[in-house]
Amino acid sequence: MNKKISIGLLLILFIFQGAFAVLGAENKTIDLKSPEFKAVASQFLCTCGCGQDHFACDMAGCKNTETFKAELVDMMEKGMNKDEIREYYVKALGEEILTAPEKKGFSLAAWILPFAAIGGAGTGVFFVVRKWVKKNANGQDMLDDQLENDEVEEEILSSIIEEERKKYL
C-alpha cells in the first residue's frame, strides 16, 4: 500500500509541476533588452528609412519600430520561435525586410554577384595596366632606336645639303 501512496504522490507532484510550468510560461513577459528578443528583432530592417534593424533603431519618434517590437513580443509570448517569426514576416512583407539574405537561391546570388563583379573588374584592370607597362618598356627601347636612326638620317641629310651648297656657292 505504501507503494501505491508514493506512486500517487509522485503523480500528483508531476501534475502540479506541469500546472506551475504552464502558468509560469503564460505569465512570462519578454524583456525588450533580452538576448532572445535581440536575436529575433535584429534580423528585420526597420521600415522608417534609418537603415538599422528593429532592435537598434533609435530614430526619434519612430512609430514603425514601436509597433513592430510590440508584435514581436506578442508572437514570442504565444510561443513562436525565431525561425517561425522570420518565416511569417518574409511571407507577409517579402525578403526586403531581412537584414541578411536567405542562404539559398537567387537571394544569395544577388548579394554575392556585385562583389564578384568588382573583384573581376579589379583583376581585369590589373592585367591591362600590367600590359601597358610592359608595352611602354618595349616602346621606350624602340624610341631609343628611332632616335638613333633619326640622328643618322639627319647627319646624312646635312652632309648632302652641305655638298649641294658647295656646288652652287
Protein backbone atom coordinates (compact mmCIF):
# COMPACT_ATOMS: atom_id res chain seq x y z
CA MET A 1 0.00 0.00 0.00
CA ASN A 2 2.88 2.33 0.66
CA LYS A 3 3.96 1.89 -2.93
CA LYS A 4 0.53 2.96 -4.17
CA ILE A 5 0.59 6.05 -1.97
CA SER A 6 4.11 7.03 -3.10
CA ILE A 7 3.17 6.50 -6.78
CA GLY A 8 0.02 8.56 -6.24
CA LEU A 9 2.03 11.32 -4.58
CA LEU A 10 4.53 11.30 -7.43
CA LEU A 11 1.69 11.51 -9.94
CA ILE A 12 0.13 14.44 -8.08
CA LEU A 13 3.54 16.10 -7.89
CA PHE A 14 4.03 15.78 -11.66
CA ILE A 15 0.57 17.22 -12.30
CA PHE A 16 1.25 20.22 -10.05
CA GLN A 17 4.69 20.70 -11.61
CA GLY A 18 3.17 20.71 -15.10
CA ALA A 19 0.47 23.15 -13.99
CA PHE A 20 3.03 25.52 -12.50
CA ALA A 21 5.17 25.30 -15.65
CA VAL A 22 2.17 26.23 -17.81
CA LEU A 23 1.18 29.08 -15.51
CA GLY A 24 4.77 30.31 -15.39
CA ALA A 25 5.01 30.26 -19.20
CA GLU A 26 1.79 32.23 -19.59
CA ASN A 27 2.91 34.92 -17.16
CA LYS A 28 6.36 35.21 -18.72
CA THR A 29 6.93 38.62 -20.25
CA ILE A 30 9.57 39.29 -22.86
CA ASP A 31 12.16 41.91 -21.97
CA LEU A 32 12.98 44.21 -24.93
CA LYS A 33 16.67 44.07 -23.99
CA SER A 34 16.92 40.31 -23.59
CA PRO A 35 19.21 38.28 -25.86
CA GLU A 36 16.22 36.28 -27.12
CA PHE A 37 14.39 39.42 -28.23
CA LYS A 38 17.58 40.85 -29.76
CA ALA A 39 18.08 37.67 -31.81
CA VAL A 40 14.56 37.98 -33.21
CA ALA A 41 14.37 41.76 -33.74
CA SER A 42 17.84 42.20 -35.23
CA GLN A 43 17.01 40.04 -38.24
CA PHE A 44 14.50 42.61 -39.61
CA LEU A 45 15.22 46.02 -41.17
CA CYS A 46 13.29 48.98 -39.83
CA THR A 47 10.95 50.46 -42.43
CA CYS A 48 11.33 54.08 -41.29
CA GLY A 49 14.36 54.56 -43.57
CA CYS A 50 17.05 54.66 -40.89
CA GLY A 51 18.81 51.60 -42.36
CA GLN A 52 19.08 49.86 -38.98
CA ASP A 53 17.48 46.71 -37.71
CA HIS A 54 14.43 46.94 -35.45
CA PHE A 55 16.45 46.20 -32.33
CA ALA A 56 18.92 49.06 -32.96
CA CYS A 57 16.53 51.62 -34.48
CA ASP A 58 16.90 54.82 -32.49
CA MET A 59 15.09 57.30 -34.70
CA ALA A 60 13.23 59.81 -32.57
CA GLY A 61 9.51 59.07 -32.70
CA CYS A 62 9.80 56.02 -34.96
CA LYS A 63 6.31 54.54 -34.77
CA ASN A 64 7.25 51.63 -37.03
CA THR A 65 9.72 50.07 -34.65
CA GLU A 66 7.48 50.51 -31.61
CA THR A 67 4.61 48.71 -33.34
CA PHE A 68 6.93 46.06 -34.75
CA LYS A 69 8.50 45.38 -31.36
CA ALA A 70 5.05 45.02 -29.80
CA GLU A 71 4.11 42.48 -32.49
CA LEU A 72 7.34 40.57 -31.93
CA VAL A 73 6.76 40.42 -28.17
CA ASP A 74 3.20 39.20 -28.76
CA MET A 75 4.42 36.46 -31.12
CA MET A 76 7.18 35.39 -28.73
CA GLU A 77 4.71 35.22 -25.83
CA LYS A 78 2.50 32.99 -27.96
CA GLY A 79 5.44 30.60 -28.24
CA MET A 80 6.67 31.30 -31.76
CA ASN A 81 10.40 30.84 -32.20
CA LYS A 82 12.87 32.94 -34.21
CA ASP A 83 12.52 30.97 -37.43
CA GLU A 84 8.72 30.93 -37.34
CA ILE A 85 8.61 34.69 -36.84
CA ARG A 86 11.11 35.19 -39.68
CA GLU A 87 9.06 32.97 -41.98
CA TYR A 88 5.88 34.89 -41.10
CA TYR A 89 7.36 38.30 -41.94
CA VAL A 90 9.08 37.09 -45.12
CA LYS A 91 5.72 35.78 -46.36
CA ALA A 92 3.94 39.00 -45.33
CA LEU A 93 6.49 41.66 -46.36
CA GLY A 94 8.95 39.89 -48.65
CA GLU A 95 12.69 39.31 -48.32
CA GLU A 96 13.40 43.05 -48.35
CA ILE A 97 12.58 43.13 -44.62
CA LEU A 98 15.58 40.90 -43.79
CA THR A 99 18.95 42.32 -42.72
CA ALA A 100 20.77 39.34 -44.24
CA PRO A 101 19.80 37.32 -47.31
CA GLU A 102 18.47 33.81 -47.23
CA LYS A 103 21.37 31.44 -47.76
CA LYS A 104 19.90 29.89 -50.88
CA GLY A 105 18.85 30.60 -54.42
CA PHE A 106 18.63 33.98 -56.07
CA SER A 107 18.90 35.94 -52.81
CA LEU A 108 22.38 34.62 -52.16
CA ALA A 109 23.43 35.24 -55.77
CA ALA A 110 22.09 38.80 -55.65
CA TRP A 111 24.30 39.56 -52.64
CA ILE A 112 27.44 37.79 -53.92
CA LEU A 113 27.49 38.82 -57.60
CA PRO A 114 28.26 42.54 -57.08
CA PHE A 115 31.32 41.67 -55.02
CA ALA A 116 32.40 39.07 -57.58
CA ALA A 117 31.95 41.64 -60.39
CA ILE A 118 34.06 44.21 -58.54
CA GLY A 119 36.76 41.59 -57.94
CA GLY A 120 36.70 40.55 -61.61
CA ALA A 121 36.89 44.16 -62.78
CA GLY A 122 39.82 44.83 -60.45
CA THR A 123 41.64 41.79 -61.80
CA GLY A 124 40.97 42.92 -65.39
CA VAL A 125 42.30 46.42 -64.67
CA PHE A 126 45.41 44.90 -63.08
CA PHE A 127 46.22 42.88 -66.20
CA VAL A 128 45.50 45.77 -68.59
CA VAL A 129 47.78 48.13 -66.64
CA ARG A 130 50.43 45.43 -66.49
CA LYS A 131 50.24 45.01 -70.27
CA TRP A 132 50.54 48.78 -70.77
CA VAL A 133 53.61 48.94 -68.54
CA LYS A 134 55.31 46.13 -70.48
CA LYS A 135 54.37 47.73 -73.80
CA ASN A 136 55.70 51.09 -72.61
CA ALA A 137 59.01 49.49 -71.57
CA ASN A 138 59.36 47.89 -75.02
CA GLY A 139 58.18 51.10 -76.65
CA GLN A 140 60.93 53.04 -74.81
CA ASP A 141 63.58 50.75 -76.33
CA MET A 142 62.06 51.26 -79.76
CA LEU A 143 62.03 55.02 -79.14
CA ASP A 144 65.78 54.98 -78.39
CA ASP A 145 66.40 53.05 -81.65
CA GLN A 146 64.19 55.52 -83.52
CA LEU A 147 66.17 58.46 -82.11
CA GLU A 148 69.46 56.88 -83.20
CA ASN A 149 68.09 56.33 -86.71
CA ASP A 150 66.84 59.93 -86.83
CA GLU A 151 70.29 61.22 -85.83
CA VAL A 152 71.97 59.17 -88.61
CA GLU A 153 69.45 60.36 -91.19
CA GLU A 154 69.92 63.94 -90.02
CA GLU A 155 73.72 63.64 -90.46
CA ILE A 156 73.27 62.20 -93.95
CA LEU A 157 70.85 64.94 -94.91
CA SER A 158 73.08 67.67 -93.53
CA SER A 159 76.10 66.30 -95.45
CA ILE A 160 74.07 66.18 -98.72
CA ILE A 161 72.85 69.73 -98.14
CA GLU A 162 76.44 70.86 -97.46
CA GLU A 163 77.69 69.26 -100.70
CA GLU A 164 74.94 70.87 -102.74
CA ARG A 165 75.64 74.22 -101.20
CA LYS A 166 79.36 73.95 -102.04
CA LYS A 167 78.48 73.25 -105.68
CA TYR A 168 76.47 76.39 -106.10
CA LEU A 169 78.33 78.75 -103.83
